[in-house]
N, C-alpha and C. Protein backbone atom coordinates (compact mmCIF):
# COMPACT_ATOMS: atom_id res chain seq x y z
N MET A 1 0.80 -1.20 0.00
CA MET A 1 0.00 0.00 0.00
C MET A 1 0.84 1.26 0.00
N ILE A 2 2.14 1.13 0.10
CA ILE A 2 2.99 2.30 0.13
C ILE A 2 2.80 3.14 -1.13
N GLU A 3 2.67 2.47 -2.28
CA GLU A 3 2.62 3.18 -3.54
C GLU A 3 1.40 4.05 -3.71
N LEU A 4 0.26 3.72 -2.97
CA LEU A 4 -0.91 4.54 -3.18
C LEU A 4 -0.68 5.96 -2.74
N LEU A 5 0.36 6.24 -1.91
CA LEU A 5 0.69 7.60 -1.50
C LEU A 5 1.39 8.36 -2.61
N ILE A 6 1.96 7.66 -3.59
CA ILE A 6 2.79 8.29 -4.60
C ILE A 6 2.35 7.88 -6.00
N ALA A 7 1.19 8.30 -6.37
CA ALA A 7 0.60 7.84 -7.61
C ALA A 7 1.16 8.49 -8.86
N GLY A 8 1.54 9.78 -8.85
CA GLY A 8 2.04 10.40 -10.06
C GLY A 8 2.38 11.85 -9.84
N VAL A 9 3.13 12.42 -10.75
CA VAL A 9 3.49 13.83 -10.61
C VAL A 9 3.85 14.41 -11.98
N SER A 10 3.51 15.65 -12.18
CA SER A 10 4.01 16.40 -13.33
C SER A 10 5.23 17.17 -12.85
N PHE A 11 6.34 16.96 -13.48
CA PHE A 11 7.56 17.64 -13.04
C PHE A 11 7.51 19.13 -13.27
N PHE A 12 6.51 19.60 -13.98
CA PHE A 12 6.43 21.02 -14.29
C PHE A 12 5.34 21.72 -13.49
N GLY A 13 4.73 21.03 -12.57
CA GLY A 13 3.68 21.65 -11.76
C GLY A 13 2.41 21.83 -12.57
N GLY A 14 1.31 22.01 -11.90
CA GLY A 14 0.05 22.26 -12.57
C GLY A 14 -0.53 21.05 -13.28
N GLY A 15 0.05 19.89 -13.13
CA GLY A 15 -0.43 18.69 -13.81
C GLY A 15 -1.58 18.04 -13.08
N ASN A 16 -2.45 17.40 -13.82
CA ASN A 16 -3.56 16.63 -13.27
C ASN A 16 -3.49 15.23 -13.87
N TRP A 17 -3.35 14.22 -13.01
CA TRP A 17 -3.13 12.86 -13.46
C TRP A 17 -4.12 11.89 -12.83
N TYR A 18 -4.54 10.92 -13.64
CA TYR A 18 -5.30 9.77 -13.15
C TYR A 18 -4.34 8.59 -13.17
N CYS A 19 -4.11 7.99 -12.00
CA CYS A 19 -3.12 6.92 -11.89
C CYS A 19 -3.74 5.68 -11.27
N THR A 20 -3.21 4.52 -11.67
CA THR A 20 -3.71 3.26 -11.13
C THR A 20 -2.59 2.23 -11.04
N HIS A 21 -2.70 1.42 -10.02
CA HIS A 21 -1.86 0.23 -9.90
C HIS A 21 -2.62 -0.79 -9.07
N GLN A 22 -2.18 -2.03 -9.12
CA GLN A 22 -2.93 -3.08 -8.41
C GLN A 22 -2.01 -4.17 -7.89
N TYR A 23 -2.55 -4.88 -6.94
CA TYR A 23 -1.90 -6.06 -6.36
C TYR A 23 -2.88 -7.22 -6.47
N GLU A 24 -2.35 -8.38 -6.72
CA GLU A 24 -3.19 -9.59 -6.76
C GLU A 24 -2.77 -10.54 -5.65
N TYR A 25 -3.78 -11.11 -5.00
CA TYR A 25 -3.57 -12.08 -3.93
C TYR A 25 -4.28 -13.37 -4.32
N PRO A 26 -3.61 -14.23 -5.11
CA PRO A 26 -4.25 -15.44 -5.65
C PRO A 26 -4.80 -16.38 -4.58
N LEU A 27 -4.14 -16.54 -3.47
CA LEU A 27 -4.64 -17.45 -2.43
C LEU A 27 -5.97 -16.99 -1.85
N GLN A 28 -6.19 -15.69 -1.84
CA GLN A 28 -7.46 -15.15 -1.34
C GLN A 28 -8.44 -14.84 -2.47
N ASN A 29 -8.00 -15.01 -3.74
CA ASN A 29 -8.82 -14.70 -4.91
C ASN A 29 -9.23 -13.23 -4.91
N VAL A 30 -8.30 -12.34 -4.52
CA VAL A 30 -8.61 -10.92 -4.38
C VAL A 30 -7.62 -10.07 -5.17
N LYS A 31 -8.16 -9.02 -5.78
CA LYS A 31 -7.36 -8.00 -6.44
C LYS A 31 -7.63 -6.68 -5.71
N GLU A 32 -6.56 -5.95 -5.40
CA GLU A 32 -6.65 -4.66 -4.72
C GLU A 32 -6.18 -3.61 -5.73
N THR A 33 -7.07 -2.70 -6.11
CA THR A 33 -6.76 -1.69 -7.12
C THR A 33 -6.78 -0.31 -6.49
N PHE A 34 -5.76 0.48 -6.78
CA PHE A 34 -5.66 1.85 -6.29
C PHE A 34 -5.85 2.80 -7.46
N ILE A 35 -6.76 3.73 -7.32
CA ILE A 35 -7.02 4.73 -8.35
C ILE A 35 -6.91 6.10 -7.69
N SER A 36 -6.12 6.97 -8.31
CA SER A 36 -5.91 8.32 -7.77
C SER A 36 -6.11 9.36 -8.85
N HIS A 37 -6.75 10.46 -8.46
CA HIS A 37 -6.79 11.65 -9.31
C HIS A 37 -5.99 12.70 -8.56
N VAL A 38 -4.78 12.97 -9.07
CA VAL A 38 -3.85 13.86 -8.38
C VAL A 38 -3.81 15.18 -9.14
N GLN A 39 -4.05 16.27 -8.41
CA GLN A 39 -4.04 17.61 -8.99
C GLN A 39 -2.90 18.41 -8.36
N TYR A 40 -1.94 18.81 -9.21
CA TYR A 40 -0.76 19.53 -8.75
C TYR A 40 -0.87 21.00 -9.06
N SER A 41 -0.35 21.81 -8.15
CA SER A 41 -0.22 23.25 -8.37
C SER A 41 1.19 23.53 -8.86
N ASP A 42 1.43 24.75 -9.32
CA ASP A 42 2.74 25.11 -9.83
C ASP A 42 3.84 24.99 -8.79
N ASP A 43 3.49 25.12 -7.50
CA ASP A 43 4.50 24.98 -6.44
C ASP A 43 4.68 23.52 -6.00
N LEU A 44 4.07 22.57 -6.75
CA LEU A 44 4.13 21.12 -6.52
C LEU A 44 3.39 20.66 -5.28
N THR A 45 2.54 21.52 -4.70
CA THR A 45 1.60 21.01 -3.72
C THR A 45 0.54 20.24 -4.49
N TYR A 46 -0.14 19.32 -3.81
CA TYR A 46 -1.12 18.50 -4.50
C TYR A 46 -2.30 18.17 -3.58
N VAL A 47 -3.40 17.84 -4.24
CA VAL A 47 -4.57 17.26 -3.59
C VAL A 47 -4.92 16.04 -4.43
N ALA A 48 -5.11 14.90 -3.76
CA ALA A 48 -5.44 13.66 -4.46
C ALA A 48 -6.73 13.08 -3.92
N SER A 49 -7.61 12.68 -4.82
CA SER A 49 -8.81 11.91 -4.48
C SER A 49 -8.48 10.47 -4.82
N ASN A 50 -8.59 9.59 -3.83
CA ASN A 50 -8.13 8.21 -4.00
C ASN A 50 -9.22 7.20 -3.70
N LYS A 51 -9.14 6.06 -4.39
CA LYS A 51 -10.03 4.93 -4.13
C LYS A 51 -9.19 3.66 -4.02
N ILE A 52 -9.59 2.81 -3.10
CA ILE A 52 -9.03 1.46 -3.00
C ILE A 52 -10.19 0.53 -3.26
N ILE A 53 -10.11 -0.27 -4.31
CA ILE A 53 -11.20 -1.14 -4.73
C ILE A 53 -10.76 -2.59 -4.58
N TYR A 54 -11.60 -3.38 -3.94
CA TYR A 54 -11.34 -4.80 -3.76
C TYR A 54 -12.30 -5.58 -4.64
N SER A 55 -11.76 -6.50 -5.43
CA SER A 55 -12.58 -7.32 -6.32
C SER A 55 -12.05 -8.75 -6.31
N TYR A 56 -12.87 -9.65 -6.87
CA TYR A 56 -12.47 -11.05 -6.99
C TYR A 56 -11.65 -11.23 -8.26
N LEU A 57 -10.60 -12.03 -8.18
CA LEU A 57 -9.78 -12.31 -9.36
C LEU A 57 -10.55 -13.09 -10.42
N ASN A 58 -11.37 -14.03 -10.01
CA ASN A 58 -12.00 -14.93 -10.97
C ASN A 58 -13.13 -14.28 -11.76
N ASP A 59 -13.79 -13.25 -11.21
CA ASP A 59 -14.88 -12.63 -11.99
C ASP A 59 -14.80 -11.11 -12.03
N ASN A 60 -13.76 -10.52 -11.39
CA ASN A 60 -13.53 -9.08 -11.41
C ASN A 60 -14.68 -8.28 -10.80
N GLU A 61 -15.55 -8.90 -10.02
CA GLU A 61 -16.65 -8.20 -9.37
C GLU A 61 -16.15 -7.47 -8.13
N ASP A 62 -16.44 -6.16 -8.06
CA ASP A 62 -16.05 -5.36 -6.90
C ASP A 62 -16.90 -5.74 -5.70
N PHE A 63 -16.24 -5.96 -4.54
CA PHE A 63 -17.03 -6.26 -3.35
C PHE A 63 -16.82 -5.25 -2.23
N ALA A 64 -15.82 -4.37 -2.36
CA ALA A 64 -15.62 -3.32 -1.35
C ALA A 64 -14.83 -2.17 -1.96
N GLN A 65 -15.07 -0.98 -1.39
CA GLN A 65 -14.35 0.20 -1.86
C GLN A 65 -14.19 1.19 -0.71
N PHE A 66 -13.01 1.78 -0.63
CA PHE A 66 -12.72 2.84 0.32
C PHE A 66 -12.26 4.06 -0.46
N SER A 67 -12.54 5.26 0.06
CA SER A 67 -12.11 6.51 -0.55
C SER A 67 -11.41 7.35 0.49
N TYR A 68 -10.51 8.19 0.03
CA TYR A 68 -9.86 9.14 0.94
C TYR A 68 -9.23 10.28 0.15
N ILE A 69 -8.90 11.34 0.86
CA ILE A 69 -8.25 12.52 0.31
C ILE A 69 -6.83 12.57 0.87
N GLU A 70 -5.92 13.07 0.06
CA GLU A 70 -4.55 13.28 0.53
C GLU A 70 -4.09 14.65 0.05
N LYS A 71 -3.39 15.38 0.91
CA LYS A 71 -2.80 16.67 0.55
C LYS A 71 -1.34 16.66 0.96
N GLY A 72 -0.50 17.35 0.17
CA GLY A 72 0.90 17.43 0.51
C GLY A 72 1.69 18.14 -0.56
N VAL A 73 2.97 17.77 -0.66
CA VAL A 73 3.86 18.37 -1.65
C VAL A 73 4.73 17.28 -2.26
N ALA A 74 4.99 17.41 -3.56
CA ALA A 74 5.86 16.47 -4.26
C ALA A 74 7.31 16.90 -4.06
N LYS A 75 8.16 15.94 -3.76
CA LYS A 75 9.60 16.16 -3.62
C LYS A 75 10.28 15.48 -4.80
N ILE A 76 10.97 16.27 -5.63
CA ILE A 76 11.50 15.77 -6.90
C ILE A 76 13.02 15.92 -6.95
N SER A 77 13.68 14.87 -7.47
CA SER A 77 15.12 14.90 -7.70
C SER A 77 15.40 14.12 -8.97
N GLY A 78 15.74 14.81 -10.03
CA GLY A 78 15.98 14.15 -11.32
C GLY A 78 14.71 13.49 -11.82
N ASN A 79 14.79 12.19 -12.12
CA ASN A 79 13.60 11.46 -12.59
C ASN A 79 12.95 10.66 -11.46
N GLN A 80 13.28 11.00 -10.21
CA GLN A 80 12.68 10.32 -9.05
C GLN A 80 11.89 11.32 -8.22
N PHE A 81 10.87 10.81 -7.53
CA PHE A 81 10.06 11.67 -6.68
C PHE A 81 9.36 10.85 -5.61
N TYR A 82 8.85 11.54 -4.63
CA TYR A 82 7.94 10.96 -3.66
C TYR A 82 6.99 12.04 -3.21
N LEU A 83 5.85 11.63 -2.69
CA LEU A 83 4.86 12.56 -2.20
C LEU A 83 4.93 12.61 -0.69
N ASP A 84 5.04 13.80 -0.16
CA ASP A 84 5.09 14.02 1.28
C ASP A 84 3.75 14.62 1.67
N GLY A 85 2.83 13.76 2.10
CA GLY A 85 1.48 14.24 2.35
C GLY A 85 0.83 13.59 3.54
N HIS A 86 -0.44 13.96 3.72
CA HIS A 86 -1.24 13.45 4.83
C HIS A 86 -2.60 13.00 4.28
N ALA A 87 -2.99 11.78 4.62
CA ALA A 87 -4.29 11.24 4.19
C ALA A 87 -5.33 11.49 5.27
N TYR A 88 -6.54 11.79 4.84
CA TYR A 88 -7.63 12.00 5.78
C TYR A 88 -8.97 11.67 5.12
N ASN A 89 -10.00 11.64 5.93
CA ASN A 89 -11.37 11.33 5.47
C ASN A 89 -11.46 9.98 4.78
N VAL A 90 -10.83 8.96 5.33
CA VAL A 90 -10.98 7.61 4.78
C VAL A 90 -12.38 7.12 5.12
N THR A 91 -13.12 6.74 4.09
CA THR A 91 -14.48 6.25 4.30
C THR A 91 -14.68 4.94 3.55
N LYS A 92 -15.52 4.09 4.13
CA LYS A 92 -15.89 2.86 3.45
C LYS A 92 -17.10 3.19 2.60
N ASP A 93 -16.94 3.13 1.28
CA ASP A 93 -18.03 3.43 0.35
C ASP A 93 -19.03 2.29 0.29
N PHE A 94 -18.52 1.07 0.24
CA PHE A 94 -19.39 -0.11 0.30
C PHE A 94 -18.56 -1.33 0.63
N ASP A 95 -19.23 -2.33 1.16
CA ASP A 95 -18.61 -3.62 1.50
C ASP A 95 -19.75 -4.64 1.46
N ILE A 96 -20.06 -5.10 0.25
CA ILE A 96 -21.28 -5.90 0.06
C ILE A 96 -21.23 -7.26 0.73
N ILE A 97 -20.03 -7.75 1.06
CA ILE A 97 -19.97 -9.06 1.71
C ILE A 97 -19.59 -8.94 3.19
N GLY A 98 -19.42 -7.71 3.68
CA GLY A 98 -19.06 -7.52 5.08
C GLY A 98 -17.66 -8.01 5.41
N HIS A 99 -16.76 -7.90 4.47
CA HIS A 99 -15.40 -8.41 4.64
C HIS A 99 -14.58 -7.59 5.64
N PHE A 100 -14.76 -6.27 5.63
CA PHE A 100 -13.95 -5.39 6.47
C PHE A 100 -14.69 -5.02 7.74
N LYS A 101 -14.04 -5.26 8.86
CA LYS A 101 -14.66 -5.00 10.15
C LYS A 101 -14.82 -3.50 10.40
N SER A 102 -15.68 -3.19 11.33
CA SER A 102 -15.87 -1.80 11.74
C SER A 102 -14.53 -1.26 12.23
N GLY A 103 -14.19 -0.08 11.85
CA GLY A 103 -12.93 0.52 12.26
C GLY A 103 -11.79 0.32 11.27
N TYR A 104 -12.02 -0.44 10.19
CA TYR A 104 -10.95 -0.67 9.23
C TYR A 104 -10.52 0.63 8.55
N ALA A 105 -11.45 1.57 8.35
CA ALA A 105 -11.08 2.86 7.75
C ALA A 105 -10.06 3.58 8.64
N ASN A 106 -10.19 3.45 9.95
CA ASN A 106 -9.21 4.05 10.86
C ASN A 106 -7.85 3.38 10.71
N GLU A 107 -7.83 2.07 10.50
CA GLU A 107 -6.58 1.35 10.29
C GLU A 107 -5.90 1.81 9.00
N ILE A 108 -6.69 2.03 7.95
CA ILE A 108 -6.13 2.53 6.69
C ILE A 108 -5.52 3.91 6.91
N THR A 109 -6.26 4.78 7.60
CA THR A 109 -5.76 6.13 7.88
C THR A 109 -4.44 6.08 8.63
N GLU A 110 -4.37 5.24 9.65
CA GLU A 110 -3.15 5.11 10.44
C GLU A 110 -2.00 4.61 9.56
N PHE A 111 -2.28 3.61 8.73
CA PHE A 111 -1.24 3.07 7.85
C PHE A 111 -0.74 4.14 6.88
N LEU A 112 -1.67 4.85 6.24
CA LEU A 112 -1.29 5.85 5.25
C LEU A 112 -0.48 6.99 5.84
N ASN A 113 -0.68 7.28 7.11
CA ASN A 113 0.00 8.40 7.75
C ASN A 113 1.21 7.97 8.59
N THR A 114 1.60 6.70 8.48
CA THR A 114 2.80 6.23 9.18
C THR A 114 4.03 6.88 8.54
N PRO A 115 4.87 7.52 9.34
CA PRO A 115 6.07 8.15 8.77
C PRO A 115 6.97 7.10 8.10
N MET A 116 7.51 7.48 6.94
CA MET A 116 8.44 6.61 6.20
C MET A 116 9.61 7.44 5.72
N GLU A 117 10.71 6.78 5.57
CA GLU A 117 11.89 7.43 4.98
C GLU A 117 11.63 7.64 3.48
N PRO A 118 12.18 8.72 2.90
CA PRO A 118 11.97 8.95 1.46
C PRO A 118 12.34 7.75 0.59
N GLU A 119 13.38 7.01 0.96
CA GLU A 119 13.80 5.86 0.16
C GLU A 119 12.71 4.80 0.07
N GLU A 120 11.86 4.71 1.10
CA GLU A 120 10.80 3.71 1.12
C GLU A 120 9.64 4.06 0.21
N LYS A 121 9.52 5.32 -0.18
CA LYS A 121 8.36 5.72 -0.99
C LYS A 121 8.75 6.38 -2.31
N THR A 122 10.00 6.25 -2.71
CA THR A 122 10.48 6.88 -3.93
C THR A 122 10.03 6.11 -5.17
N LEU A 123 9.60 6.87 -6.17
CA LEU A 123 9.27 6.32 -7.47
C LEU A 123 10.21 6.88 -8.51
N THR A 124 10.44 6.09 -9.54
CA THR A 124 11.26 6.52 -10.67
C THR A 124 10.37 6.58 -11.90
N VAL A 125 10.44 7.70 -12.61
CA VAL A 125 9.69 7.84 -13.86
C VAL A 125 10.40 7.02 -14.92
N ILE A 126 9.69 6.03 -15.45
CA ILE A 126 10.24 5.16 -16.50
C ILE A 126 10.03 5.80 -17.86
N SER A 127 8.83 6.35 -18.06
CA SER A 127 8.53 7.04 -19.31
C SER A 127 7.49 8.12 -19.03
N LYS A 128 7.55 9.19 -19.81
CA LYS A 128 6.59 10.28 -19.63
C LYS A 128 6.44 11.02 -20.93
N THR A 129 5.19 11.21 -21.33
CA THR A 129 4.85 12.09 -22.43
C THR A 129 3.91 13.14 -21.85
N LYS A 130 3.38 13.98 -22.69
CA LYS A 130 2.44 14.99 -22.21
C LYS A 130 1.17 14.34 -21.66
N SER A 131 0.80 13.17 -22.19
CA SER A 131 -0.48 12.57 -21.81
C SER A 131 -0.38 11.27 -21.01
N GLU A 132 0.81 10.67 -20.91
CA GLU A 132 0.95 9.40 -20.20
C GLU A 132 2.25 9.38 -19.41
N MET A 133 2.22 8.63 -18.31
CA MET A 133 3.42 8.48 -17.50
C MET A 133 3.40 7.09 -16.86
N THR A 134 4.56 6.47 -16.81
CA THR A 134 4.73 5.19 -16.12
C THR A 134 5.81 5.38 -15.08
N VAL A 135 5.48 4.98 -13.84
CA VAL A 135 6.45 5.10 -12.75
C VAL A 135 6.62 3.75 -12.07
N LYS A 136 7.79 3.57 -11.47
CA LYS A 136 8.10 2.31 -10.79
C LYS A 136 8.50 2.62 -9.35
N HIS A 137 7.84 1.93 -8.41
CA HIS A 137 8.21 2.04 -7.01
C HIS A 137 9.47 1.22 -6.82
N GLN A 138 10.55 1.88 -6.45
CA GLN A 138 11.85 1.22 -6.40
C GLN A 138 11.91 0.02 -5.45
N PRO A 139 11.48 0.16 -4.20
CA PRO A 139 11.62 -0.99 -3.30
C PRO A 139 10.82 -2.23 -3.72
N SER A 140 9.61 -2.05 -4.23
CA SER A 140 8.75 -3.21 -4.53
C SER A 140 8.73 -3.61 -6.00
N GLY A 141 9.07 -2.68 -6.88
CA GLY A 141 8.98 -2.95 -8.31
C GLY A 141 7.60 -2.73 -8.89
N THR A 142 6.65 -2.27 -8.10
CA THR A 142 5.29 -2.03 -8.57
C THR A 142 5.27 -0.92 -9.62
N ILE A 143 4.54 -1.18 -10.70
CA ILE A 143 4.40 -0.21 -11.79
C ILE A 143 3.05 0.50 -11.65
N THR A 144 3.09 1.83 -11.77
CA THR A 144 1.88 2.65 -11.76
C THR A 144 1.75 3.32 -13.11
N GLN A 145 0.55 3.21 -13.70
CA GLN A 145 0.26 3.83 -14.98
C GLN A 145 -0.56 5.10 -14.74
N CYS A 146 -0.19 6.19 -15.39
CA CYS A 146 -0.90 7.45 -15.24
C CYS A 146 -1.28 8.02 -16.60
N VAL A 147 -2.42 8.68 -16.62
CA VAL A 147 -2.89 9.37 -17.82
C VAL A 147 -3.27 10.77 -17.41
N ALA A 148 -2.82 11.75 -18.19
CA ALA A 148 -3.16 13.14 -17.90
C ALA A 148 -4.65 13.34 -18.06
N SER A 149 -5.22 14.20 -17.21
CA SER A 149 -6.64 14.50 -17.37
C SER A 149 -6.82 15.19 -18.71
N SER A 150 -8.02 15.16 -19.25
CA SER A 150 -8.27 15.66 -20.61
C SER A 150 -7.85 17.11 -20.78
N SER A 151 -7.91 17.91 -19.72
CA SER A 151 -7.52 19.30 -19.84
C SER A 151 -6.01 19.46 -19.94
N GLU A 152 -5.26 18.41 -19.56
CA GLU A 152 -3.80 18.48 -19.59
C GLU A 152 -3.21 17.88 -20.85
N ALA A 153 -3.94 17.00 -21.51
CA ALA A 153 -3.40 16.28 -22.67
C ALA A 153 -3.29 17.15 -23.89
């Protein structure tokens, strides 16, 4: 879940990106998908609207979803960056099978706001055009795909 804090960035500020990455847990037949809409200002501060969606691997049916907001600032060095922010307003949008216990949104909030060293959350831009960006989380190797919002493309 570390990568959901660092979904994407425009190195020139003012960028708006839709980013996604996922994890699969075959033994549990679960896919965890992170979707972020990150809006950057020229000073590289950002506001992100995020969703965590849980679905079954075998039929791709969503069974739970959480949403939250994150605000902070992007820290950039060359083709690497990380987001230094704070997550809040984590809410359970739905949980049709009752998989997540009461209070799980608080656990997500606590996890998202756990202090980490920059090396633990650094991403490297693999490729970037005006309309698309691919980044790789260095410690885990997770790939995040981003697409510029229509007003940015």
